Protein backbone atom coordinates (compact mmCIF):
# COMPACT_ATOMS: atom_id res chain seq x y z
CA UNK A 1 27.23 4.30 18.80
CA UNK A 2 24.54 2.18 18.69
CA UNK A 3 23.44 2.73 15.39
CA UNK A 4 22.73 0.06 13.43
CA UNK A 5 22.68 -0.66 9.61
CA UNK A 6 19.58 -2.52 9.76
CA UNK A 7 17.50 -0.19 11.44
CA UNK A 8 16.61 1.80 7.67
CA UNK A 9 18.74 5.27 9.47
CA UNK A 10 21.71 6.62 7.85
CA UNK A 11 24.24 8.13 10.06
CA UNK A 12 26.07 11.04 8.68
CA UNK A 13 28.09 13.03 11.00
CA UNK A 14 25.94 13.56 13.85
CA UNK A 15 22.61 13.00 12.36
CA UNK A 16 20.42 10.16 11.95
CA UNK A 17 18.89 10.51 8.27
CA UNK A 18 15.21 8.03 7.90
CA UNK A 19 14.16 8.75 4.28
CA UNK A 20 10.48 6.85 2.98
CA UNK A 21 8.54 6.86 0.00
CA UNK A 22 5.28 7.78 -0.30
CA UNK A 23 1.89 8.29 -2.17
CA UNK A 24 0.70 10.49 0.32
CA UNK A 25 -0.03 14.04 -1.08
CA UNK A 26 1.16 16.76 1.23
CA UNK A 27 -1.50 17.67 3.38
CA UNK A 28 -2.51 14.72 4.41
CA UNK A 29 1.25 13.61 5.22
CA UNK A 30 1.45 16.65 7.17
CA UNK A 31 -1.70 15.61 9.58
CA UNK A 32 -0.88 12.08 9.68
CA UNK A 33 2.56 13.15 10.78
CA UNK A 34 1.19 15.53 13.45
CA UNK A 35 -0.69 12.88 14.63
CA UNK A 36 1.92 11.08 15.12
CA UNK A 37 3.74 13.49 17.36
CA UNK A 38 0.53 14.30 18.97
CA UNK A 39 0.48 10.05 20.06
CA UNK A 40 1.97 8.49 23.24
CA UNK A 41 3.66 9.13 25.80
CA UNK A 42 6.63 11.47 24.50
CA UNK A 43 4.18 13.79 22.76
CA UNK A 44 4.27 15.36 26.60
CA UNK A 45 7.77 16.30 25.84
CA UNK A 46 7.36 17.39 22.46
CA UNK A 47 7.20 20.62 20.42
CA UNK A 48 6.82 20.75 16.41
CA UNK A 49 6.21 24.03 14.44
CA UNK A 50 5.19 23.24 10.82
CA UNK A 51 7.52 25.82 7.82
CA UNK A 52 6.30 24.97 4.26
CA UNK A 53 6.59 21.62 4.11
CA UNK A 54 9.35 21.27 7.12
CA UNK A 55 8.39 20.83 10.66
CA UNK A 56 10.59 21.11 13.34
CA UNK A 57 10.25 19.69 16.35
CA UNK A 58 11.68 19.04 19.60
CA UNK A 59 11.70 16.36 22.61
CA UNK A 60 13.86 15.97 25.57
CA UNK A 61 17.49 15.71 24.51
CA UNK A 62 17.33 15.27 20.43
CA UNK A 63 16.05 18.25 17.49
CA UNK A 64 14.20 16.94 14.07
CA UNK A 65 13.45 17.90 10.93
CA UNK A 66 10.84 16.27 8.98
CA UNK A 67 10.26 17.50 5.31
CA UNK A 68 9.09 15.80 2.22
CA UNK A 69 10.04 16.37 -1.52
CA UNK A 70 8.66 14.23 -4.66
CA UNK A 71 7.23 11.46 -2.62
CA UNK A 72 10.27 11.11 -0.37
CA UNK A 73 9.95 12.04 3.47
CA UNK A 74 13.16 12.36 5.06
CA UNK A 75 14.12 13.04 8.77
CA UNK A 76 17.10 14.38 10.52
CA UNK A 77 16.75 13.94 14.20
CA UNK A 78 20.89 14.15 16.29
CA UNK A 79 20.88 13.90 20.41
CA UNK A 80 21.73 17.14 21.93
CA UNK A 81 21.76 16.75 25.61
CA UNK A 82 21.42 13.47 28.18
CA UNK A 83 19.73 9.94 26.56
CA UNK A 84 21.84 6.80 27.74
CA UNK A 85 22.31 4.01 24.75
CA UNK A 86 19.85 2.62 25.70
CA UNK A 87 17.11 5.41 25.72
CA UNK A 88 18.24 6.54 22.11
CA UNK A 89 18.00 2.71 20.49
CA UNK A 90 14.49 2.98 22.07
CA UNK A 91 13.65 6.61 20.68
CA UNK A 92 15.42 5.58 16.75
CA UNK A 93 13.01 2.30 16.89
CA UNK A 94 9.90 4.63 17.91
CA UNK A 95 10.71 7.17 15.31
CA UNK A 96 11.32 4.00 12.27
CA UNK A 97 8.06 2.74 13.89
CA UNK A 98 6.29 6.28 13.50
CA UNK A 99 7.89 7.49 10.26
CA UNK A 100 6.75 3.84 8.43
CA UNK A 101 2.93 4.18 9.87
CA UNK A 102 3.03 8.05 8.31
CA UNK A 103 4.11 7.16 5.30
CA UNK A 104 1.65 3.92 4.49
CA UNK A 105 4.55 1.91 3.68
CA UNK A 106 3.54 -1.45 3.28
CA UNK A 107 5.07 -4.36 5.42
CA UNK A 108 6.43 -7.01 4.20
CA UNK A 109 5.18 -9.39 6.30
CA UNK A 110 1.54 -8.66 5.27
CA UNK A 111 0.08 -12.41 3.90
CA UNK A 112 -3.15 -10.35 2.37
CA UNK A 113 -3.65 -9.79 -0.83
CA UNK A 114 -7.77 -8.49 -2.62
CA UNK A 115 -9.20 -10.59 -4.89
CA UNK A 116 -11.53 -7.80 -6.91
CA UNK A 117 -13.97 -9.94 -9.61
CA UNK A 118 -16.85 -10.10 -11.14
CA UNK A 119 -19.08 -12.73 -11.99
CA UNK A 120 -17.27 -15.69 -13.10
CA UNK A 121 -17.23 -17.90 -9.85
CA UNK A 122 -14.95 -20.78 -11.07
CA UNK A 123 -12.32 -17.81 -11.78
CA UNK A 124 -12.04 -16.30 -8.50
CA UNK A 125 -12.22 -19.92 -6.49
CA UNK A 126 -8.85 -21.34 -8.75
CA UNK A 127 -7.87 -18.01 -7.60
CA UNK A 128 -8.24 -17.84 -4.42
CA UNK A 129 -6.88 -21.54 -3.45
CA UNK A 130 -3.57 -21.04 -6.09
CA UNK A 131 -2.83 -18.27 -3.65
CA UNK A 132 -3.50 -20.11 -0.72
CA UNK A 133 -1.70 -22.76 -1.88
CA UNK A 134 1.61 -20.21 -2.08
CA UNK A 135 1.45 -18.89 1.81
CA UNK A 136 -0.90 -15.96 0.94
CA UNK A 137 -3.93 -14.66 2.74
CA UNK A 138 -6.10 -13.80 -0.12
CA UNK A 139 -9.81 -12.17 0.50
CA UNK A 140 -13.05 -11.95 -1.12
CA UNK A 141 -15.36 -9.46 0.31
CA UNK A 142 -18.70 -10.77 -0.29
CA UNK A 143 -16.26 -13.03 2.11
CA UNK A 144 -16.27 -11.20 4.83
CA UNK A 145 -17.96 -10.11 7.50
CA UNK A 146 -20.03 -7.19 6.88
CA UNK A 147 -20.03 -5.61 10.21
CA UNK A 148 -23.14 -3.09 10.17
CA UNK A 149 -21.02 -1.30 7.19
CA UNK A 150 -21.88 -0.61 3.64
CA UNK A 151 -20.76 -1.49 0.63
CA UNK A 152 -18.12 1.32 0.21
CA UNK A 153 -16.87 1.38 3.66
CA UNK A 154 -16.75 -2.73 4.21
CA UNK A 155 -14.88 -2.87 0.50
CA UNK A 156 -12.25 0.30 2.42
CA UNK A 157 -11.85 -1.50 5.49
CA UNK A 158 -10.67 -4.65 4.26
CA UNK A 159 -8.69 -3.01 1.08
CA UNK A 160 -6.70 -1.25 3.25
CA UNK A 161 -5.55 -4.56 4.79
CA UNK A 162 -3.94 -5.59 2.00
CA UNK A 163 -0.53 -5.72 0.23
CA UNK A 164 -1.55 -7.12 -3.02
CA UNK A 165 -4.19 -6.57 -5.66
CA UNK A 166 -5.74 -9.53 -8.48
CA UNK A 167 -8.02 -7.66 -10.16
CA UNK A 168 -9.95 -10.71 -12.03
CA UNK A 169 -11.41 -8.60 -15.38
CA UNK A 170 -14.05 -11.21 -17.04
CA UNK A 171 -16.82 -10.32 -19.76
CA UNK A 172 -19.80 -9.35 -17.78
CA UNK A 173 -21.97 -6.70 -19.43
CA UNK A 174 -21.86 -5.76 -22.47
CA UNK A 175 -22.10 -2.11 -23.94
CA UNK A 176 -22.47 -0.71 -26.91
CA UNK A 177 -20.68 3.29 -28.00
CA UNK A 178 -22.87 5.79 -29.29
CA UNK A 179 -23.73 5.42 -32.73
CA UNK A 180 -22.95 1.79 -32.51
CA UNK A 181 -24.72 -1.47 -33.25
CA UNK A 182 -22.67 -3.80 -32.11
CA UNK A 183 -21.86 -4.36 -28.55
CA UNK A 184 -18.48 -5.41 -26.57
CA UNK A 185 -18.05 -7.05 -23.67
CA UNK A 186 -16.42 -5.25 -20.43
CA UNK A 187 -15.82 -5.77 -17.03
CA UNK A 188 -18.10 -5.50 -14.51
CA UNK A 189 -17.92 -1.36 -13.51
CA UNK A 190 -17.46 -2.06 -9.31
CA UNK A 191 -14.05 -4.29 -10.60
CA UNK A 192 -12.64 -1.15 -12.69
CA UNK A 193 -13.70 1.53 -9.81
CA UNK A 194 -11.91 -1.43 -7.50
CA UNK A 195 -8.69 -1.32 -10.01
CA UNK A 196 -8.63 2.33 -9.59
CA UNK A 197 -8.74 2.77 -6.01
CA UNK A 198 -6.26 0.29 -5.48
CA UNK A 199 -3.80 1.66 -7.91
CA UNK A 200 -4.15 4.18 -6.24
CA UNK A 201 -3.68 2.82 -2.92
CA UNK A 202 -0.71 0.43 -3.52
CA UNK A 203 0.31 1.51 -6.80
CA UNK A 204 1.25 -0.09 -9.94
CA UNK A 205 3.45 -2.06 -9.13
CA UNK A 206 1.09 -4.61 -6.35
CA UNK A 207 -1.58 -4.80 -8.44
CA UNK A 208 -1.88 -7.29 -10.66
CA UNK A 209 -4.92 -7.21 -13.98
CA UNK A 210 -6.27 -11.01 -15.06
CA UNK A 211 -8.51 -11.04 -18.16
CA UNK A 212 -10.16 -13.50 -20.26
CA UNK A 213 -12.48 -13.12 -23.66
CA UNK A 214 -12.16 -9.36 -25.58
CA UNK A 215 -12.63 -7.54 -23.52
CA UNK A 216 -13.25 -2.60 -23.53
CA UNK A 217 -10.21 -2.10 -20.76
CA UNK A 218 -9.98 1.67 -19.98
CA UNK A 219 -7.01 3.10 -21.75
CA UNK A 220 -5.24 4.88 -18.90
CA UNK A 221 -4.52 2.57 -17.28
CA UNK A 222 -1.31 1.49 -18.46
CA UNK A 223 1.78 -0.09 -16.37
CA UNK A 224 -0.83 -2.30 -14.73
CA UNK A 225 0.94 -5.63 -15.21
CA UNK A 226 -2.01 -7.63 -17.91
CA UNK A 227 -2.10 -11.34 -17.54
CA UNK A 228 -4.47 -12.96 -20.34
CA UNK A 229 -5.27 -16.53 -19.61
CA UNK A 230 -8.00 -18.49 -21.65
CA UNK A 231 -9.58 -21.54 -19.32
CA UNK A 232 -7.70 -21.61 -16.41
CA UNK A 233 -5.31 -18.99 -13.86
CA UNK A 234 -3.38 -22.06 -14.03
CA UNK A 235 -2.40 -20.94 -17.58
CA UNK A 236 -0.98 -17.98 -16.08
CA UNK A 237 0.43 -19.58 -12.18
CA UNK A 238 4.57 -19.56 -12.85
CA UNK A 239 3.76 -15.61 -14.54
CA UNK A 240 2.20 -14.57 -10.99
CA UNK A 241 5.34 -16.31 -8.81
CA UNK A 242 7.35 -13.74 -11.16
CA UNK A 243 5.08 -10.85 -10.35
CA UNK A 244 4.89 -11.91 -6.43
CA UNK A 245 8.61 -12.30 -5.48
CA UNK A 246 8.71 -8.86 -7.67
CA UNK A 247 8.14 -7.31 -4.26
CA UNK A 248 8.42 -9.82 -2.24
CA UNK A 249 6.09 -11.39 -1.44
CA UNK A 250 6.76 -15.35 -1.58
CA UNK A 251 10.12 -16.47 -2.60
């Protein structure tokens, strides 16, 4: 028996079963899974065929079925012939690594956290210092090398390396609704755009919204944690710690 309880797989009869959650829509999942099957030396000995949302896979000494249902990817595989025990262990390890990559699972070792911000430089600086003290690696976009990219390319390049996002919403702009004479304070529009991007990419549980002042906040972002501060980020430091502990970024 080579199965190890800590490798993420279950053993049911002769089948090894691995499940991972993913936020990817099926077509993107199918594309990434197909690319994974066609990569590396193992691809030379592997065939696959999609039928609906299930992919039937055959390789040297092993067969498997990969499916996606309701945001959960499930792989069932079994060894049908010769692989020696040490080869089976290597195959299972490679399969798990590929599955994790295809599903976009966030590594527990990823300490990069992104800071979305407006014009409040003091709040941004305090937040960055605080997160650094916690042993995290905060990324501020305008402090990173452009690498010859456009702004949106640069944002996506660095944002996709992060496992958590802090969104600083501060009163940077003024707006008035149609028919109203009084203006309302609101965050910069790039902050709202990046908030939505991170909600879709990381999920609401890995996005936290920090704000101060009386702001116009979009009504369709319920579920994202709101933390209000008055003068300093350090007023809500314990709440931030609790949130980071909740996703396993700090202990």
